[in-house]
Amino acid sequence: MTVFPNGRHDDQVDSTAQMLDWFKDGDGPTSHRGIFEYYRQLAEKVRRGQMPGAMGRLRAPRGVSHVQLFSGLHRAVANDSTVEMTESDAGDLLRAGWERADASGLAEPGHGGPI
């Protein structure tokens, strides 16, 4: 998009920009204003630190510096190799080999608990 309108794929960039504008304003061929507004409000809560769900810390495997969570958050791994996240984000990471770093109630898969 940085070379628009003189780039090789300027038609695709133009159509993408129009779709995003329609989606954002809710006045295009189909209105998605409701879903856009919902995710805008959800993102604002996340920015203010009002994440839903119980929080806990997981220890990242060696060599991992950042993680993209399923909730949409992008988190840096702290110097102590831990990342704070909700139970819903922790489940898949625990199954992938991450370990609990606290006794927050985040249960490891197969061991009962909230996950």
Protein backbone atom coordinates (compact mmCIF):
# COMPACT_ATOMS: atom_id res chain seq x y z
CA MET A 1 0.00 0.00 0.00
CA THR A 2 2.98 2.31 0.40
CA VAL A 3 3.51 2.77 -3.36
CA PHE A 4 -0.15 3.45 -4.19
CA PRO A 5 -1.28 4.64 -6.77
CA ASN A 6 1.76 3.85 -8.88
CA GLY A 7 2.41 0.30 -7.69
CA ARG A 8 2.17 -2.96 -9.54
CA HIS A 9 -1.06 -4.00 -7.77
CA ASP A 10 -2.73 -0.62 -7.39
CA ASP A 11 -6.19 -2.00 -8.29
CA GLN A 12 -6.05 -4.47 -5.40
CA VAL A 13 -4.86 -1.73 -3.03
CA ASP A 14 -7.66 0.58 -4.17
CA SER A 15 -10.36 -2.08 -3.76
CA THR A 16 -9.00 -3.07 -0.33
CA ALA A 17 -8.99 0.56 0.81
CA GLN A 18 -12.58 1.02 -0.38
CA MET A 19 -13.72 -2.15 1.39
CA LEU A 20 -12.04 -1.09 4.64
CA ASP A 21 -13.65 2.35 4.37
CA TRP A 22 -17.10 0.83 3.77
CA PHE A 23 -16.59 -1.62 6.62
CA LYS A 24 -15.46 1.10 9.02
CA ASP A 25 -18.26 3.54 8.16
CA GLY A 26 -20.99 0.93 7.83
CA ASP A 27 -22.40 2.55 4.69
CA GLY A 28 -21.17 0.12 2.03
CA PRO A 29 -23.04 -2.51 0.05
CA THR A 30 -23.56 -4.48 3.29
CA SER A 31 -23.30 -2.85 6.68
CA HIS A 32 -21.08 -4.48 9.26
CA ARG A 33 -21.09 -1.51 11.61
CA GLY A 34 -22.30 -3.61 14.55
CA ILE A 35 -19.44 -6.13 14.43
CA PHE A 36 -16.88 -3.38 13.79
CA GLU A 37 -18.17 -1.42 16.79
CA TYR A 38 -18.12 -4.53 19.00
CA TYR A 39 -14.47 -5.23 18.20
CA ARG A 40 -13.56 -1.56 18.55
CA GLN A 41 -15.03 -1.56 22.07
CA LEU A 42 -13.35 -4.86 22.90
CA ALA A 43 -9.98 -3.51 21.72
CA GLU A 44 -10.48 -0.40 23.85
CA LYS A 45 -11.09 -2.55 26.94
CA VAL A 46 -7.90 -4.49 26.23
CA ARG A 47 -5.94 -1.24 25.84
CA ARG A 48 -7.24 -0.08 29.24
CA GLY A 49 -6.24 -3.41 30.80
CA GLN A 50 -9.81 -4.60 31.33
CA MET A 51 -9.32 -8.05 29.88
CA PRO A 52 -12.07 -10.57 30.63
CA GLY A 53 -11.34 -13.72 32.56
CA ALA A 54 -8.96 -14.85 35.27
CA MET A 55 -5.35 -13.97 34.68
CA GLY A 56 -2.30 -16.15 35.14
CA ARG A 57 1.32 -16.39 34.07
CA LEU A 58 2.90 -19.01 31.82
CA ARG A 59 6.59 -19.67 31.32
CA ALA A 60 7.61 -19.47 27.68
CA PRO A 61 9.91 -22.07 26.10
CA ARG A 62 13.54 -21.05 25.62
CA GLY A 63 14.06 -18.74 22.64
CA VAL A 64 10.51 -17.30 22.56
CA SER A 65 10.53 -13.51 22.90
CA HIS A 66 6.94 -12.63 21.89
CA VAL A 67 3.61 -14.41 21.54
CA GLN A 68 0.44 -13.63 19.58
CA LEU A 69 -2.50 -14.78 21.70
CA PHE A 70 -5.80 -16.05 20.32
CA SER A 71 -7.54 -13.10 22.00
CA GLY A 72 -5.67 -10.86 19.56
CA LEU A 73 -3.12 -9.54 22.04
CA HIS A 74 0.56 -9.50 21.18
CA ARG A 75 2.65 -9.92 24.33
CA ALA A 76 6.39 -9.68 24.94
CA VAL A 77 7.93 -12.35 27.12
CA ALA A 78 9.25 -10.79 30.36
CA ASN A 79 12.88 -11.09 31.48
CA ASP A 80 11.86 -13.96 33.78
CA SER A 81 10.47 -15.83 30.70
CA THR A 82 6.83 -15.36 31.74
CA VAL A 83 3.76 -13.96 29.99
CA GLU A 84 0.51 -12.89 31.65
CA MET A 85 -2.68 -14.01 29.92
CA THR A 86 -6.24 -15.22 30.45
CA GLU A 87 -7.28 -18.84 30.90
CA SER A 88 -8.71 -18.99 27.40
CA ASP A 89 -5.38 -17.92 25.89
CA ALA A 90 -3.38 -20.29 28.11
CA GLY A 91 -5.05 -23.55 27.07
CA ASP A 92 -3.46 -24.02 23.66
CA LEU A 93 -0.07 -22.79 24.86
CA LEU A 94 -0.07 -25.30 27.71
CA ARG A 95 -0.82 -28.07 25.22
CA ALA A 96 2.08 -26.78 23.09
CA GLY A 97 4.59 -27.18 25.93
CA TRP A 98 4.39 -23.94 27.88
CA GLU A 99 4.37 -24.32 31.68
CA ARG A 100 2.51 -22.61 34.48
CA ALA A 101 4.59 -20.02 36.29
CA ASP A 102 2.14 -19.46 39.16
CA ALA A 103 -0.65 -21.13 41.09
CA SER A 104 -3.34 -18.93 39.54
CA GLY A 105 -5.81 -21.68 38.72
CA LEU A 106 -4.59 -22.12 35.16
CA ALA A 107 -4.67 -25.90 34.97
CA GLU A 108 -2.50 -27.96 32.70
CA PRO A 109 -4.38 -29.98 30.06
CA GLY A 110 -5.55 -33.34 31.32
CA HIS A 111 -5.29 -32.31 34.97
CA GLY A 112 -8.76 -30.87 35.47
CA GLY A 113 -9.32 -27.27 36.40
CA PRO A 114 -10.73 -24.43 34.34
CA ILE A 115 -9.06 -25.17 31.02
